C-alpha cells in the first residue's frame, strides 16, 4: 500500500496554495494599509484596555452582519474547493453520506432524487464488492460498513 501524496495531488496542492497566497495576501495587505491610512488606531495603553469595567462583558446588538467579514471566509472556502476539488479519500465518505440521506428520505420524495439514487446504488455496489476482499488468501471484512439505521419519521 502506497502512503503519501501522488505527484498530481502534490502539484494541485502547490497550485492551490500559490493561488490563495497570491490572491489573499495582496487583499489582506490592501485592507491593512487602508486601516493604517484611516487612522482608526491608537497607541496601546494598558489602563485604557484594562479599565475599571474589565470584568464586564457588554453585548452590543448589531442589526446585520458586515458582508466583508463573512464573505472572505466564504470566498476562501469556494476558491479552495474549486481549485483543489474533492480528494479521492473523501469521495467514499461523501457517497455514504448521500446514500444515508437518500435511504432516510421520505418514500414519496425518493423517486424525484434520481442523482442521489444513482450515487446510493453505486455506493452499495462498491461496498458489496469490498465487503469480502481477498487479502493474503483470506477474506477480510471492510472496516467501514454502512449500517442503515431505521428512523421512525
C-alpha atoms as a PDB file:
ATOM      1  CA  UNK A   1       0.000   0.000   0.000  1.00  0.00           C
ATOM      2  CA  UNK A   2       1.381   3.335  -1.039  1.00  0.00           C
ATOM      3  CA  UNK A   3       1.409   6.116   1.507  1.00  0.00           C
ATOM      4  CA  UNK A   4       1.929   9.795   0.918  1.00  0.00           C
ATOM      5  CA  UNK A   5       0.677  12.074  -1.785  1.00  0.00           C
ATOM      6  CA  UNK A   6       0.772  11.452  -5.516  1.00  0.00           C
ATOM      7  CA  UNK A   7       2.696  13.862  -7.760  1.00  0.00           C
ATOM      8  CA  UNK A   8      -0.542  15.053  -9.351  1.00  0.00           C
ATOM      9  CA  UNK A   9      -2.078  15.805  -5.946  1.00  0.00           C
ATOM     10  CA  UNK A  10       1.150  17.495  -4.853  1.00  0.00           C
ATOM     11  CA  UNK A  11       1.106  19.837  -7.856  1.00  0.00           C
ATOM     12  CA  UNK A  12      -2.589  20.562  -7.305  1.00  0.00           C
ATOM     13  CA  UNK A  13      -1.809  21.397  -3.686  1.00  0.00           C
ATOM     14  CA  UNK A  14       1.096  23.669  -4.676  1.00  0.00           C
ATOM     15  CA  UNK A  15      -1.080  25.391  -7.300  1.00  0.00           C
ATOM     16  CA  UNK A  16      -3.857  25.887  -4.742  1.00  0.00           C
ATOM     17  CA  UNK A  17      -1.556  27.299  -2.086  1.00  0.00           C
ATOM     18  CA  UNK A  18       0.197  29.636  -4.519  1.00  0.00           C
ATOM     19  CA  UNK A  19      -3.108  30.857  -5.920  1.00  0.00           C
ATOM     20  CA  UNK A  20      -4.520  31.526  -2.479  1.00  0.00           C
ATOM     21  CA  UNK A  21      -1.342  33.262  -1.333  1.00  0.00           C
ATOM     22  CA  UNK A  22      -1.140  35.362  -4.480  1.00  0.00           C
ATOM     23  CA  UNK A  23      -4.830  36.257  -4.220  1.00  0.00           C
ATOM     24  CA  UNK A  24      -5.423  36.716  -0.498  1.00  0.00           C
ATOM     25  CA  UNK A  25      -2.064  38.173   0.564  1.00  0.00           C
ATOM     26  CA  UNK A  26      -2.454  41.308  -1.594  1.00  0.00           C
ATOM     27  CA  UNK A  27      -6.075  41.689  -0.485  1.00  0.00           C
ATOM     28  CA  UNK A  28      -5.071  41.376   3.163  1.00  0.00           C
ATOM     29  CA  UNK A  29      -2.234  43.834   2.740  1.00  0.00           C
ATOM     30  CA  UNK A  30      -4.565  46.275   0.968  1.00  0.00           C
ATOM     31  CA  UNK A  31      -7.047  46.043   3.818  1.00  0.00           C
ATOM     32  CA  UNK A  32      -4.254  46.521   6.377  1.00  0.00           C
ATOM     33  CA  UNK A  33      -2.847  49.581   4.568  1.00  0.00           C
ATOM     34  CA  UNK A  34      -6.314  51.134   4.275  1.00  0.00           C
ATOM     35  CA  UNK A  35      -6.786  50.545   8.020  1.00  0.00           C
ATOM     36  CA  UNK A  36      -3.482  52.265   8.769  1.00  0.00           C
ATOM     37  CA  UNK A  37      -4.272  55.190   6.452  1.00  0.00           C
ATOM     38  CA  UNK A  38      -7.677  55.707   8.035  1.00  0.00           C
ATOM     39  CA  UNK A  39      -6.018  56.472  11.348  1.00  0.00           C
ATOM     40  CA  UNK A  40      -8.546  54.475  13.341  1.00  0.00           C
ATOM     41  CA  UNK A  41      -5.881  53.040  15.622  1.00  0.00           C
ATOM     42  CA  UNK A  42      -4.235  54.499  18.664  1.00  0.00           C
ATOM     43  CA  UNK A  43      -1.198  53.643  20.699  1.00  0.00           C
ATOM     44  CA  UNK A  44      -1.515  50.852  23.216  1.00  0.00           C
ATOM     45  CA  UNK A  45      -2.424  51.880  26.734  1.00  0.00           C
ATOM     46  CA  UNK A  46      -2.759  49.215  29.422  1.00  0.00           C
ATOM     47  CA  UNK A  47      -5.024  51.426  31.537  1.00  0.00           C
ATOM     48  CA  UNK A  48      -7.336  52.143  28.584  1.00  0.00           C
ATOM     49  CA  UNK A  49      -7.591  48.468  27.668  1.00  0.00           C
ATOM     50  CA  UNK A  50      -7.886  47.194  31.252  1.00  0.00           C
ATOM     51  CA  UNK A  51     -10.207  49.866  32.670  1.00  0.00           C
ATOM     52  CA  UNK A  52     -12.420  49.689  35.741  1.00  0.00           C
ATOM     53  CA  UNK A  53     -15.053  47.608  33.896  1.00  0.00           C
ATOM     54  CA  UNK A  54     -12.593  44.990  32.628  1.00  0.00           C
ATOM     55  CA  UNK A  55     -14.576  42.127  34.200  1.00  0.00           C
ATOM     56  CA  UNK A  56     -17.867  43.060  32.481  1.00  0.00           C
ATOM     57  CA  UNK A  57     -18.949  41.591  29.180  1.00  0.00           C
ATOM     58  CA  UNK A  58     -21.036  44.021  27.180  1.00  0.00           C
ATOM     59  CA  UNK A  59     -23.210  42.702  24.378  1.00  0.00           C
ATOM     60  CA  UNK A  60     -23.632  45.147  21.536  1.00  0.00           C
ATOM     61  CA  UNK A  61     -26.587  44.499  19.279  1.00  0.00           C
ATOM     62  CA  UNK A  62     -25.689  44.596  15.599  1.00  0.00           C
ATOM     63  CA  UNK A  63     -28.655  44.673  13.207  1.00  0.00           C
ATOM     64  CA  UNK A  64     -26.860  42.922  10.358  1.00  0.00           C
ATOM     65  CA  UNK A  65     -23.523  41.287   9.617  1.00  0.00           C
ATOM     66  CA  UNK A  66     -20.890  43.140   7.661  1.00  0.00           C
ATOM     67  CA  UNK A  67     -20.600  41.268   4.367  1.00  0.00           C
ATOM     68  CA  UNK A  68     -16.846  41.773   4.159  1.00  0.00           C
ATOM     69  CA  UNK A  69     -16.308  39.752   7.333  1.00  0.00           C
ATOM     70  CA  UNK A  70     -18.077  36.570   6.307  1.00  0.00           C
ATOM     71  CA  UNK A  71     -17.619  36.925   2.540  1.00  0.00           C
ATOM     72  CA  UNK A  72     -13.847  36.494   2.813  1.00  0.00           C
ATOM     73  CA  UNK A  73     -14.284  33.152   4.599  1.00  0.00           C
ATOM     74  CA  UNK A  74     -16.913  32.033   2.127  1.00  0.00           C
ATOM     75  CA  UNK A  75     -14.705  33.122  -0.775  1.00  0.00           C
ATOM     76  CA  UNK A  76     -11.752  31.215   0.625  1.00  0.00           C
ATOM     77  CA  UNK A  77     -13.854  28.080   1.028  1.00  0.00           C
ATOM     78  CA  UNK A  78     -15.247  28.300  -2.516  1.00  0.00           C
ATOM     79  CA  UNK A  79     -11.837  29.073  -4.011  1.00  0.00           C
ATOM     80  CA  UNK A  80     -10.264  26.152  -2.149  1.00  0.00           C
ATOM     81  CA  UNK A  81     -12.988  23.793  -3.313  1.00  0.00           C
ATOM     82  CA  UNK A  82     -12.799  24.968  -6.933  1.00  0.00           C
ATOM     83  CA  UNK A  83      -9.020  24.758  -7.033  1.00  0.00           C
ATOM     84  CA  UNK A  84      -8.478  21.572  -5.056  1.00  0.00           C
ATOM     85  CA  UNK A  85     -11.762  19.741  -5.519  1.00  0.00           C
ATOM     86  CA  UNK A  86     -12.875  16.679  -3.621  1.00  0.00           C
ATOM     87  CA  UNK A  87      -9.952  14.460  -2.611  1.00  0.00           C
ATOM     88  CA  UNK A  88     -10.205  10.824  -3.630  1.00  0.00           C
ATOM     89  CA  UNK A  89     -10.053   9.773   0.004  1.00  0.00           C
ATOM     90  CA  UNK A  90     -13.142  11.845   0.857  1.00  0.00           C
ATOM     91  CA  UNK A  91     -15.261  10.564  -2.025  1.00  0.00           C
ATOM     92  CA  UNK A  92     -16.374   7.290  -0.324  1.00  0.00           C
ATOM     93  CA  UNK A  93     -17.429   9.201   2.790  1.00  0.00           C
ATOM     94  CA  UNK A  94     -19.431  11.655   0.718  1.00  0.00           C
ATOM     95  CA  UNK A  95     -21.032   8.806  -1.221  1.00  0.00           C
ATOM     96  CA  UNK A  96     -22.030   7.073   2.016  1.00  0.00           C
ATOM     97  CA  UNK A  97     -23.468  10.347   3.284  1.00  0.00           C
ATOM     98  CA  UNK A  98     -25.556  10.709   0.132  1.00  0.00           C
ATOM     99  CA  UNK A  99     -26.619   7.082   0.494  1.00  0.00           C
ATOM    100  CA  UNK A 100     -27.663   7.645   4.105  1.00  0.00           C
ATOM    101  CA  UNK A 101     -29.655  10.779   3.232  1.00  0.00           C
ATOM    102  CA  UNK A 102     -31.324   9.050   0.280  1.00  0.00           C
ATOM    103  CA  UNK A 103     -32.191   5.920   2.307  1.00  0.00           C
ATOM    104  CA  UNK A 104     -33.768   8.028   5.039  1.00  0.00           C
ATOM    105  CA  UNK A 105     -35.573  10.465   2.754  1.00  0.00           C
ATOM    106  CA  UNK A 106     -39.369  10.161   2.662  1.00  0.00           C
ATOM    107  CA  UNK A 107     -40.505   7.431   0.259  1.00  0.00           C
ATOM    108  CA  UNK A 108     -42.592   9.933  -1.705  1.00  0.00           C
ATOM    109  CA  UNK A 109     -39.530  12.112  -2.296  1.00  0.00           C
ATOM    110  CA  UNK A 110     -37.127   9.333  -3.341  1.00  0.00           C
ATOM    111  CA  UNK A 111     -38.372   8.979  -6.961  1.00  0.00           C
ATOM    112  CA  UNK A 112     -37.564  12.666  -7.515  1.00  0.00           C
ATOM    113  CA  UNK A 113     -33.970  12.221  -6.301  1.00  0.00           C
ATOM    114  CA  UNK A 114     -32.602  10.295  -9.290  1.00  0.00           C
ATOM    115  CA  UNK A 115     -28.999  11.504  -8.961  1.00  0.00           C
ATOM    116  CA  UNK A 116     -28.930  10.649  -5.264  1.00  0.00           C
ATOM    117  CA  UNK A 117     -30.426   7.252  -6.096  1.00  0.00           C
ATOM    118  CA  UNK A 118     -27.691   6.556  -8.619  1.00  0.00           C
ATOM    119  CA  UNK A 119     -24.939   7.558  -6.159  1.00  0.00           C
ATOM    120  CA  UNK A 120     -26.537   5.473  -3.393  1.00  0.00           C
ATOM    121  CA  UNK A 121     -26.741   2.387  -5.617  1.00  0.00           C
ATOM    122  CA  UNK A 122     -23.112   2.800  -6.731  1.00  0.00           C
ATOM    123  CA  UNK A 123     -22.040   3.120  -3.111  1.00  0.00           C
ATOM    124  CA  UNK A 124     -23.934  -0.045  -2.160  1.00  0.00           C
ATOM    125  CA  UNK A 125     -22.418  -1.984  -5.073  1.00  0.00           C
ATOM    126  CA  UNK A 126     -18.915  -0.785  -4.219  1.00  0.00           C
ATOM    127  CA  UNK A 127     -19.389  -1.780  -0.602  1.00  0.00           C
ATOM    128  CA  UNK A 128     -20.621  -5.253  -1.647  1.00  0.00           C
ATOM    129  CA  UNK A 129     -17.501  -5.709  -3.789  1.00  0.00           C
ATOM    130  CA  UNK A 130     -15.199  -4.704  -0.948  1.00  0.00           C
ATOM    131  CA  UNK A 131     -17.064  -6.495   1.820  1.00  0.00           C
ATOM    132  CA  UNK A 132     -15.125  -9.725   1.341  1.00  0.00           C
ATOM    133  CA  UNK A 133     -11.901  -8.518  -0.211  1.00  0.00           C
ATOM    134  CA  UNK A 134      -9.279 -11.195  -0.735  1.00  0.00           C
ATOM    135  CA  UNK A 135      -6.152 -10.284   1.149  1.00  0.00           C
ATOM    136  CA  UNK A 136      -3.371 -12.774   1.803  1.00  0.00           C
ATOM    137  CA  UNK A 137      -5.643 -15.663   0.739  1.00  0.00           C
ATOM    138  CA  UNK A 138      -8.255 -14.988   3.379  1.00  0.00           C
ATOM    139  CA  UNK A 139     -11.456 -12.979   3.342  1.00  0.00           C
ATOM    140  CA  UNK A 140     -11.414  -9.776   5.350  1.00  0.00           C
ATOM    141  CA  UNK A 141     -14.328  -7.627   6.259  1.00  0.00           C
ATOM    142  CA  UNK A 142     -14.455  -3.989   5.253  1.00  0.00           C
ATOM    143  CA  UNK A 143     -13.518  -1.627   8.070  1.00  0.00           C
ATOM    144  CA  UNK A 144     -16.136   0.932   7.147  1.00  0.00           C
ATOM    145  CA  UNK A 145     -19.524  -0.743   6.786  1.00  0.00           C
ATOM    146  CA  UNK A 146     -22.703   1.202   6.307  1.00  0.00           C
ATOM    147  CA  UNK A 147     -25.465   0.021   8.562  1.00  0.00           C
ATOM    148  CA  UNK A 148     -28.854   1.513   7.774  1.00  0.00           C
ATOM    149  CA  UNK A 149     -30.353   2.997  10.918  1.00  0.00           C
ATOM    150  CA  UNK A 150     -34.138   2.818  10.896  1.00  0.00           C
ATOM    151  CA  UNK A 151     -35.627   6.182  11.671  1.00  0.00           C
ATOM    152  CA  UNK A 152     -39.251   6.442  12.628  1.00  0.00           C
ATOM    153  CA  UNK A 153     -40.370   9.571  10.850  1.00  0.00           C
END
